[in-house]
Protein backbone atom coordinates (compact mmCIF):
# COMPACT_ATOMS: atom_id res chain seq x y z
CA MET A 1 92.93 117.55 116.61
CA THR A 2 92.86 121.22 117.58
CA ILE A 3 94.69 124.01 115.83
CA ALA A 4 94.65 127.47 117.36
CA SER A 5 96.69 130.54 116.64
CA GLU A 6 96.56 134.09 117.92
CA PRO A 7 99.38 136.15 116.43
CA GLY A 8 100.09 139.65 117.65
CA GLN A 9 98.14 142.67 116.68
CA ILE A 10 97.96 143.43 112.98
CA GLY A 11 97.05 147.00 112.25
CA ARG A 12 95.00 148.26 115.18
CA SER A 13 92.52 145.89 116.63
CA GLU A 14 92.27 142.87 114.35
CA ALA A 15 93.81 139.63 115.55
CA PRO A 16 93.29 136.64 113.25
CA GLN A 17 92.26 133.46 114.99
CA TRP A 18 92.03 129.97 113.61
CA ALA A 19 90.13 127.18 115.29
CA CYS A 20 89.45 123.69 114.08
CA SER A 21 87.96 120.89 116.14
CA GLY A 22 87.57 117.27 115.19
CA GLY A 23 89.47 114.83 113.04
CA ALA A 24 88.72 112.55 110.15
CA GLY A 25 85.05 111.84 109.93
CA GLU A 26 84.05 114.31 112.67
CA ASP A 27 82.11 117.52 112.41
CA SER A 28 83.75 120.80 113.22
CA GLY A 29 82.19 123.46 115.40
CA VAL A 30 82.30 127.23 115.37
CA THR A 31 84.02 128.86 118.31
CA ASP A 32 83.62 132.45 117.26
CA SER A 33 81.62 134.51 114.86
CA ALA A 34 83.48 136.59 112.32
CA SER A 35 82.71 140.00 110.90
CA PRO A 36 82.68 140.32 107.11
CA PHE A 37 86.08 142.08 106.98
CA SER A 38 87.93 140.49 109.87
CA LEU A 39 90.75 138.04 109.30
CA ARG A 40 89.13 135.58 111.68
CA THR A 41 88.23 132.30 110.02
CA ALA A 42 84.69 131.14 110.68
CA TRP A 43 84.31 127.39 110.20
CA ALA A 44 80.95 126.08 109.09
CA LEU A 45 79.05 123.75 111.34
CA ASN A 46 79.09 121.03 108.70
CA LEU A 47 82.62 121.62 107.39
CA GLU A 48 83.50 118.81 104.98
CA THR A 49 86.66 116.88 105.73
CA PRO A 50 88.91 115.62 102.88
CA LEU A 51 87.75 112.06 103.51
CA ARG A 52 84.06 113.00 103.26
CA ARG A 53 84.75 114.97 100.09
CA PHE A 54 86.52 111.97 98.58
CA LEU A 55 83.67 109.63 99.50
CA ARG A 56 81.05 112.02 98.13
CA THR A 57 82.87 112.36 94.80
CA GLU A 58 83.32 108.60 94.44
CA THR A 59 79.69 107.93 95.32
CA GLY A 60 78.37 110.56 92.91
CA SER A 61 80.52 109.31 90.04
CA ALA A 62 79.02 105.80 90.26
CA ALA A 63 75.91 106.94 88.35
CA VAL A 64 78.03 108.47 85.57
CA LEU A 65 80.14 105.31 85.40
CA LEU A 66 77.05 103.11 85.14
CA ALA A 67 75.61 105.31 82.38
CA ALA A 68 78.89 105.08 80.42
CA ALA A 69 78.93 101.27 80.73
CA ILE A 70 75.33 101.04 79.49
CA ALA A 71 76.16 103.39 76.59
CA ALA A 72 79.13 101.20 75.63
CA LEU A 73 76.95 98.07 75.60
CA ALA A 74 74.30 99.80 73.50
CA TRP A 75 76.87 101.17 71.03
CA ALA A 76 78.61 97.81 70.62
CA ASN A 77 75.33 95.95 70.01
CA ILE A 78 73.86 98.54 67.66
CA ASP A 79 76.99 99.15 65.57
CA SER A 80 79.72 96.69 66.58
CA SER A 81 81.97 97.49 63.60
CA GLY A 82 81.71 101.23 64.26
CA TYR A 83 82.52 100.72 67.94
CA ALA A 84 85.60 98.64 67.13
CA ALA A 85 86.73 101.05 64.41
CA ALA A 86 86.32 104.12 66.62
CA TRP A 87 88.40 102.80 69.51
CA GLY A 88 90.86 101.08 67.18
CA THR A 89 91.79 104.35 65.49
CA GLU A 90 95.53 104.88 65.78
CA LEU A 91 96.82 108.09 67.31
CA SER A 92 100.52 108.91 67.17
CA ILE A 93 102.65 111.67 68.64
CA ARG A 94 105.96 112.21 66.87
CA ILE A 95 108.88 114.58 67.27
CA GLY A 96 111.31 113.96 64.44
CA ARG A 97 111.96 110.23 64.22
CA ALA A 98 110.90 109.52 67.80
CA GLY A 99 107.29 109.10 68.73
CA LEU A 100 104.53 107.11 70.38
CA ALA A 101 101.75 105.30 68.55
CA ALA A 102 98.74 103.46 69.97
CA ASP A 103 95.02 103.11 69.32
CA LEU A 104 92.51 105.26 71.19
CA ARG A 105 91.60 102.47 73.59
CA GLU A 106 95.22 102.04 74.67
CA TRP A 107 95.65 105.81 75.10
CA VAL A 108 92.69 105.73 77.48
CA ASN A 109 93.78 102.56 79.31
CA SER A 110 97.46 103.42 79.68
CA GLY A 111 97.40 107.21 79.40
CA LEU A 112 94.33 108.74 80.99
CA MET A 113 94.00 105.97 83.55
CA ALA A 114 97.40 106.96 84.93
CA PHE A 115 95.57 109.97 86.43
CA PHE A 116 93.03 107.63 88.06
CA PHE A 117 95.83 105.72 89.77
CA LEU A 118 97.49 109.02 90.64
CA VAL A 119 94.36 109.86 92.66
CA ALA A 120 94.40 106.39 94.21
CA GLY A 121 98.00 106.96 95.27
CA LEU A 122 97.14 110.39 96.64
CA GLU A 123 94.33 109.01 98.78
CA ALA A 124 96.52 106.15 100.02
CA ARG A 125 99.21 108.65 101.01
CA ARG A 126 96.70 110.94 102.72
CA GLU A 127 95.30 108.07 104.76
CA PHE A 128 98.86 107.07 105.65
CA ASP A 129 99.88 110.60 106.72
CA MET A 130 96.70 112.05 108.23
CA GLY A 131 93.88 109.50 108.12
CA GLU A 132 93.04 106.16 109.63
CA LEU A 133 96.47 104.71 108.88
CA ARG A 134 98.54 107.43 110.56
CA GLU A 135 98.82 105.05 113.49
CA ARG A 136 101.02 102.36 111.93
CA ARG A 137 99.47 99.55 113.96
CA ARG A 138 96.20 100.22 112.12
CA LEU A 139 97.89 99.50 108.79
CA ALA A 140 97.78 95.75 109.46
CA LEU A 141 93.97 95.54 109.32
CA PRO A 142 93.29 96.95 105.81
CA LEU A 143 96.43 95.26 104.49
CA VAL A 144 95.40 91.81 105.70
CA VAL A 145 91.72 92.29 104.83
CA GLY A 146 92.55 93.64 101.37
CA LEU A 147 94.92 90.77 100.59
CA GLY A 148 92.47 88.21 102.00
CA GLY A 149 89.77 89.63 99.75
CA MET A 150 92.06 89.09 96.77
CA VAL A 151 93.60 85.69 97.52
CA VAL A 152 90.32 83.81 98.01
CA PRO A 153 88.67 85.03 94.74
CA ILE A 154 91.88 84.27 92.82
CA ALA A 155 91.94 80.74 94.27
CA ILE A 156 88.29 80.23 93.29
CA TYR A 157 88.96 81.47 89.75
CA LEU A 158 91.97 79.18 89.36
CA GLY A 159 89.90 76.29 90.71
CA PHE A 160 87.43 76.73 87.84
CA ASN A 161 90.11 77.36 85.18
CA ALA A 162 92.99 75.12 86.26
CA GLY A 163 94.80 73.62 83.29
CA ARG A 164 93.03 75.88 80.79
CA PRO A 165 94.46 78.78 78.76
CA SER A 166 91.95 81.05 80.55
CA ALA A 167 93.82 80.53 83.83
CA GLY A 168 96.05 83.46 82.85
CA GLY A 169 93.15 85.84 83.47
CA TRP A 170 93.13 85.23 87.24
CA GLY A 171 93.67 88.95 87.91
CA THR A 172 90.18 89.82 86.68
CA ALA A 173 88.54 88.26 89.76
CA MET A 174 90.29 90.12 92.55
CA SER A 175 89.81 93.89 92.55
CA THR A 176 87.07 96.05 94.07
CA ASP A 177 85.67 98.99 92.16
CA THR A 178 85.65 101.78 94.73
CA ALA A 179 83.16 104.04 92.93
CA PHE A 180 80.56 101.32 92.37
CA ALA A 181 81.05 99.91 95.89
CA LEU A 182 80.56 103.27 97.60
CA GLY A 183 77.62 104.05 95.32
CA MET A 184 75.98 100.75 96.20
CA LEU A 185 76.64 101.40 99.89
CA ALA A 186 74.89 104.76 99.55
CA LEU A 187 71.89 103.11 97.88
CA VAL A 188 71.40 100.21 100.27
CA GLY A 189 72.14 102.18 103.41
CA PRO A 190 71.84 105.98 103.27
CA GLY A 191 72.28 106.14 107.03
CA VAL A 192 75.40 103.97 107.14
CA PRO A 193 77.99 105.50 109.51
CA ASP A 194 81.14 107.02 108.07
CA ARG A 195 83.19 104.37 109.85
CA VAL A 196 81.78 101.68 107.54
CA ARG A 197 82.62 103.72 104.46
CA THR A 198 86.09 104.43 105.81
CA TYR A 199 86.65 100.74 106.54
CA LEU A 200 85.58 99.82 103.01
CA LEU A 201 87.71 102.57 101.50
CA THR A 202 90.90 101.61 103.35
CA PHE A 203 91.01 98.01 102.16
CA ALA A 204 89.77 99.06 98.70
CA ILE A 205 92.86 101.29 98.45
CA VAL A 206 95.03 98.27 99.29
CA ASP A 207 93.12 96.49 96.54
CA ASP A 208 94.00 99.20 94.01
CA VAL A 209 97.68 99.33 94.96
CA ALA A 210 98.02 95.54 94.84
CA GLY A 211 96.20 95.51 91.49
CA ILE A 212 98.71 97.91 89.99
CA VAL A 213 101.63 95.83 91.29
CA ILE A 214 100.09 92.73 89.72
CA ILE A 215 99.54 94.55 86.43
CA ALA A 216 103.19 95.64 86.39
CA VAL A 217 104.55 92.21 87.31
CA ALA A 218 102.19 89.68 85.75
CA TYR A 219 100.52 91.43 82.82
CA SER A 220 103.31 93.38 81.19
CA GLY A 221 104.59 92.49 77.76
CA GLN A 222 108.14 91.81 76.72
CA ILE A 223 110.32 93.98 78.97
CA ASP A 224 112.82 96.42 77.49
CA VAL A 225 115.31 96.53 80.35
CA PRO A 226 117.16 99.75 79.36
CA ALA A 227 113.90 101.69 78.99
CA LEU A 228 112.66 100.30 82.31
CA ALA A 229 115.92 101.34 83.99
CA VAL A 230 115.48 104.88 82.63
CA GLY A 231 111.92 105.03 83.97
CA LEU A 232 113.00 103.84 87.42
CA ALA A 233 115.83 106.38 87.46
CA ILE A 234 113.36 109.18 86.66
CA LEU A 235 111.06 108.08 89.49
CA ALA A 236 114.07 107.99 91.81
CA ALA A 237 114.89 111.56 90.75
CA ALA A 238 111.31 112.59 91.59
CA ALA A 239 111.64 110.97 95.02
CA ALA A 240 114.95 112.77 95.58
CA ALA A 241 113.38 116.11 94.59
CA ARG A 242 110.56 115.47 97.05
CA GLY A 243 113.11 114.69 99.75
CA ARG A 244 114.90 117.99 99.12
CA GLY A 245 111.65 119.90 99.57
CA ILE A 246 111.28 121.05 95.94
CA ARG A 247 107.68 122.22 95.40
CA ASN A 248 107.74 123.11 91.71
CA GLY A 249 104.75 121.48 90.07
CA ALA A 250 106.12 121.89 86.53
CA ALA A 251 109.24 119.93 87.46
CA TYR A 252 107.22 117.01 88.80
CA LEU A 253 104.94 117.11 85.75
CA ALA A 254 107.97 116.89 83.44
CA LEU A 255 109.43 114.01 85.47
CA GLY A 256 106.10 112.19 85.47
CA VAL A 257 105.64 112.51 81.70
CA ALA A 258 109.23 111.37 81.06
CA ALA A 259 108.78 108.36 83.36
CA TRP A 260 105.47 107.52 81.65
CA VAL A 261 107.12 107.52 78.22
CA ALA A 262 109.98 105.34 79.50
CA PHE A 263 107.59 102.80 81.04
CA PHE A 264 105.45 102.84 77.87
CA LYS A 265 108.53 102.00 75.81
CA SER A 266 109.67 99.36 78.29
CA GLY A 267 106.54 97.20 78.01
CA VAL A 268 105.49 97.73 81.64
CA ASP A 269 102.05 99.30 81.90
CA PRO A 270 102.73 103.02 82.50
CA VAL A 271 99.79 103.49 84.89
CA VAL A 272 102.31 102.45 87.55
CA VAL A 273 103.86 105.91 87.20
CA GLY A 274 100.61 107.57 88.29
CA LEU A 275 100.43 105.45 91.43
CA VAL A 276 104.07 106.12 92.38
CA MET A 277 103.77 109.88 91.82
CA GLY A 278 100.63 109.93 93.97
CA LEU A 279 102.39 108.08 96.79
CA LEU A 280 105.21 110.65 96.69
CA ALA A 281 102.85 113.59 97.36
CA LEU A 282 102.94 114.33 101.09
CA ALA A 283 99.81 115.23 103.05
CA TYR A 284 100.01 117.46 106.11
CA PRO A 285 97.90 120.15 107.81
CA ALA A 286 98.63 123.79 107.14
CA SER A 287 101.33 125.06 109.48
CA ARG A 288 100.95 128.12 111.67
CA GLY A 289 103.71 129.94 109.80
CA ASP A 290 102.07 129.38 106.41
CA LEU A 291 98.70 130.60 107.73
CA GLU A 292 100.29 133.72 109.19
CA GLN A 293 102.06 134.38 105.89
CA ALA A 294 98.77 134.04 104.01
CA SER A 295 97.08 136.43 106.43
CA GLU A 296 99.88 138.96 106.09
CA SER A 297 99.73 138.77 102.29
CA PHE A 298 96.00 139.35 102.36
CA ARG A 299 96.39 142.30 104.74
CA LEU A 300 98.88 143.93 102.37
CA PHE A 301 96.59 143.31 99.41
CA ARG A 302 93.62 144.82 101.25
CA GLU A 303 95.62 147.97 101.97
CA GLN A 304 96.96 148.20 98.43
CA PRO A 305 95.07 146.00 95.90
CA THR A 306 97.58 145.59 93.07
CA PRO A 307 98.04 142.66 90.63
CA GLU A 308 101.43 141.84 92.16
CA LEU A 309 100.01 141.59 95.68
CA ALA A 310 97.04 139.59 94.38
CA ARG A 311 99.50 137.11 92.90
CA ASP A 312 101.33 136.94 96.22
CA VAL A 313 98.05 136.23 98.06
CA ARG A 314 97.18 133.39 95.67
CA GLU A 315 100.64 131.88 95.98
CA SER A 316 100.72 132.11 99.78
CA VAL A 317 97.29 130.51 100.07
CA ARG A 318 98.23 127.80 97.58
CA THR A 319 101.47 126.88 99.31
CA ALA A 320 99.74 126.73 102.69
CA LEU A 321 98.01 123.55 101.49
CA SER A 322 99.91 120.29 101.11
CA PRO A 323 100.72 119.03 97.59
CA ASN A 324 98.45 116.06 98.24
CA ASP A 325 95.41 118.27 98.94
CA ARG A 326 96.05 120.48 95.92
CA LEU A 327 96.47 117.55 93.52
CA GLN A 328 93.38 115.75 94.84
CA GLN A 329 91.27 118.87 94.46
CA LEU A 330 92.56 119.30 90.91
CA TYR A 331 92.37 115.75 89.53
CA HIS A 332 89.79 113.83 91.55
CA PRO A 333 86.67 115.34 89.92
CA TRP A 334 88.19 114.89 86.44
CA THR A 335 89.06 111.24 87.01
CA SER A 336 85.73 110.39 88.64
CA TYR A 337 83.41 112.18 86.22
CA LEU A 338 85.33 112.03 82.93
CA ILE A 339 88.31 109.66 82.76
CA VAL A 340 86.78 106.60 84.44
CA PRO A 341 83.47 106.86 82.49
CA LEU A 342 85.53 107.25 79.30
CA PHE A 343 87.43 104.10 80.25
CA ALA A 344 84.12 102.29 80.69
CA LEU A 345 82.91 103.54 77.31
CA ALA A 346 86.08 102.24 75.65
CA ASN A 347 86.17 98.81 77.30
CA ALA A 348 82.65 97.74 78.29
CA GLY A 349 81.35 97.35 74.75
CA ILE A 350 80.57 93.63 74.54
CA THR A 351 78.46 92.26 71.72
CA VAL A 352 75.73 90.17 73.35
CA SER A 353 74.03 87.40 71.39
CA GLY A 354 72.20 84.17 72.10
CA SER A 355 75.26 82.03 71.39
CA PHE A 356 77.43 84.32 73.51
CA LEU A 357 75.08 84.02 76.49
CA ALA A 358 74.74 80.26 76.05
CA HIS A 359 78.51 79.90 76.14
CA ALA A 360 78.89 82.36 79.03
CA TYR A 361 76.50 80.43 81.27
CA THR A 362 78.80 77.41 81.27
CA SER A 363 82.14 79.14 80.73
CA PRO A 364 84.69 78.51 83.50
CA VAL A 365 85.79 82.13 83.14
CA THR A 366 82.28 83.39 83.93
CA LEU A 367 81.84 80.96 86.78
CA GLY A 368 85.26 81.74 88.25
CA ILE A 369 84.69 85.50 88.20
CA LEU A 370 81.08 85.29 89.42
CA VAL A 371 81.72 82.91 92.30
CA GLY A 372 84.99 84.67 93.12
CA TYR A 373 83.31 88.03 93.54
CA VAL A 374 79.98 86.95 95.04
CA ALA A 375 81.32 84.38 97.50
CA GLY A 376 85.09 84.82 97.54
CA LYS A 377 85.18 88.51 98.42
CA PRO A 378 83.01 88.40 101.55
CA VAL A 379 84.54 85.11 102.69
CA GLY A 380 88.08 86.39 102.17
CA THR A 381 87.58 89.76 103.87
CA VAL A 382 85.61 88.40 106.84
CA ALA A 383 87.96 85.46 107.36
CA ALA A 384 91.03 87.71 107.20
CA ALA A 385 89.55 90.20 109.71
CA TRP A 386 88.51 87.38 112.07
CA LEU A 387 91.89 85.66 111.83
CA LEU A 388 93.78 88.90 112.55
CA THR A 389 91.52 89.61 115.54
CA ARG A 390 92.17 86.15 116.96
CA ILE A 391 95.93 86.27 116.38
CA SER A 392 96.26 89.74 117.94
CA ARG A 393 93.94 88.71 120.81
CA GLY A 394 91.60 91.60 120.08
CA ARG A 395 94.25 94.32 119.96
CA ILE A 396 93.69 94.73 116.20
CA ARG A 397 90.08 94.41 115.18
CA PRO A 398 87.69 96.08 112.72
CA PRO A 399 86.34 99.48 113.83
CA VAL A 400 82.80 98.30 113.03
CA GLY A 401 80.67 95.32 114.03
CA TRP A 402 80.86 91.96 112.33
CA ALA A 403 77.57 92.51 110.53
CA ALA A 404 79.04 95.65 108.95
CA VAL A 405 82.26 93.75 108.14
CA THR A 406 80.23 91.10 106.31
CA GLY A 407 78.15 93.71 104.48
CA ALA A 408 81.25 95.66 103.42
CA GLY A 409 82.82 92.43 102.17
CA ALA A 410 79.73 91.62 100.11
CA ILE A 411 79.63 95.10 98.59
CA ALA A 412 83.36 94.84 97.86
CA GLY A 413 82.46 92.05 95.45
CA ILE A 414 81.82 94.62 92.72
CA GLY A 415 84.67 94.72 90.23
CA PHE A 416 84.88 96.88 87.16
CA ILE A 417 87.76 99.25 86.45
CA VAL A 418 90.85 97.23 87.37
CA SER A 419 89.15 94.00 86.25
CA LEU A 420 88.46 95.42 82.79
CA LEU A 421 91.98 96.83 82.62
CA ILE A 422 93.54 93.45 83.46
CA ALA A 423 91.18 91.68 81.04
CA SER A 424 92.22 94.00 78.22
CA LEU A 425 95.91 93.52 79.06
CA ALA A 426 95.55 89.73 79.19
CA HIS A 427 93.69 89.74 75.87
CA ARG A 428 96.34 91.95 74.27
CA ARG A 429 99.11 89.69 75.59
CA ASP A 430 97.42 86.60 74.16
CA ARG A 431 96.74 88.36 70.88
CA HIS A 432 100.39 89.34 70.40
CA ARG A 433 101.76 85.98 71.61
CA PRO A 434 103.37 84.09 68.71
CA ARG A 435 101.43 81.13 67.39
CA GLY A 436 102.42 78.00 69.21
CA ALA A 437 103.93 79.90 72.14
CA GLY A 438 104.06 77.78 75.25
CA ARG A 439 104.27 74.50 73.24
CA PRO A 440 107.48 72.70 72.24
CA ARG A 441 108.19 73.39 68.61
CA ALA A 442 109.69 70.90 66.19
CA ARG A 443 113.25 71.51 65.19
CA PRO A 444 113.25 73.27 61.82
CA ARG A 445 114.88 71.52 58.94
CA ALA A 446 118.20 72.83 57.82
CA ARG A 447 117.80 75.02 54.79
CA PRO A 448 119.89 73.91 51.82
CA GLY A 449 122.83 76.05 50.96
CA PRO A 450 123.13 78.16 47.83
CA ARG A 451 125.03 75.48 45.89
CA ALA A 452 122.36 72.85 46.53
CA ASP A 453 119.67 75.35 45.60
CA HIS A 454 121.51 76.18 42.36
CA ALA A 455 121.97 72.50 41.53
CA ARG A 456 118.27 71.89 42.09
CA ARG A 457 117.38 74.68 39.69
CA ILE A 458 119.61 73.39 36.87
CA ARG A 459 118.92 69.67 37.41
CA ARG A 460 117.49 68.05 34.33
CA PRO A 461 113.97 66.63 34.52
CA ARG A 462 113.85 63.03 35.61
CA MET A 463 112.98 60.53 32.83
CA PRO A 464 109.64 58.81 33.36
CA LEU A 465 109.67 55.23 34.48
CA LEU A 466 108.70 52.68 31.78
CA ARG A 467 105.67 50.74 32.87
CA PRO A 468 103.61 48.39 30.74
CA GLY A 469 100.96 50.56 29.18
CA GLY A 470 102.01 53.53 31.26
CA ALA A 471 102.69 57.05 30.14
CA GLY A 472 106.38 56.31 29.78
CA SER A 473 106.11 53.07 27.80
CA PRO A 474 106.78 52.70 24.04
CA GLY A 475 103.11 51.92 23.45
CA ALA A 476 102.19 55.23 24.97
CA ALA A 477 104.70 56.98 22.75
CA GLN A 478 103.12 55.31 19.75
CA ARG A 479 99.71 56.57 20.81
CA LEU A 480 101.01 60.13 21.31
CA ARG A 481 102.25 60.18 17.75
């Protein structure tokens, strides 16, 4: 990709020039040097692309995420009652008679994690618009590989838990944790090419999107249809506003919050809203007209530095970037370094004891998840990639060698965020399920009417039966005298 622009003379002798060489995953070179006060943009030799920035942030956040998980385990085993009480504290937001109430753990899982899935949606949209998936024929590979890496672990889990109540937790064995996977890839292979990371990232994004769909469909509570219809209508309004070219961030924020509240009330996990809003944010390179407008605004500000012109410069530079780039730059560091570690702190606190470990070693849940991730993920991803290559006769094949495909599949067998989220949702669903749900209940006896109840209350006591020597016999009466 090459972008070049040479507008006419501005002022006397300064002509701004823009040059960018390379695409996703490639380095950019400098074509010209720039003086300190010229409007010519000098690109650094190692200019970081959006994909590299995303990978670097995800890789760096893996250490913070691991530290948060270890802290949660330590807290839960040192003071289990304090851990449960802290995250079970109820927090409510009320306006008049209307309001929302949930414990702190649910606010993190359903509230803050919506921003995590917003970033996942943003990255999926960027890859679809400008990245590896901008050629639609390339979409088949991560889609098939991602689904293959989910179906095989789910089948293994169900094989261990068939016919058991734990079979409902099949969603815990399917999803890849992108941060941990990229962090592990950086540890085991610092010199791994960017193509391997990109390949892993593309089918991990499919993993995340499919995980959210499964959460919405299979792990939602009792559905409130009117509230769900309101939430869908709000999302449709956001899509219509995007289609009309409206670029007011406050409007989309209001629509997103309203849709989140509607989904929260409906019983469908509201993190779906974050994913949909992320997928609606378009990604595109800065246009020549927007760059010229930014340059003109800066020229006017340089000639007359006033607060009004400074505001115009900021606005023109901001609008030159796509909404996808702006939102990723704003939210991705927060989700990677704060929200996801906070989620780990709230959900990874498991009290470990000797009896717990003895039961876990032979538990079908443990075996299903362990074998599903360790064996099912690499088998599913490699088999799906090989099958697609054979069916397409080599027209669609992985961009890396089969050794790298196998290694990426093995590293993809690290699940944490979505797995914990689904586990907490499944546990909450089982906890709120009425006793005896799923089993045929006996038909309740008909309750006597008010007349029968009144007659029972005023009925005289029944005379004791007369038995020889019993309490109701004449001899007994003689003795009681």
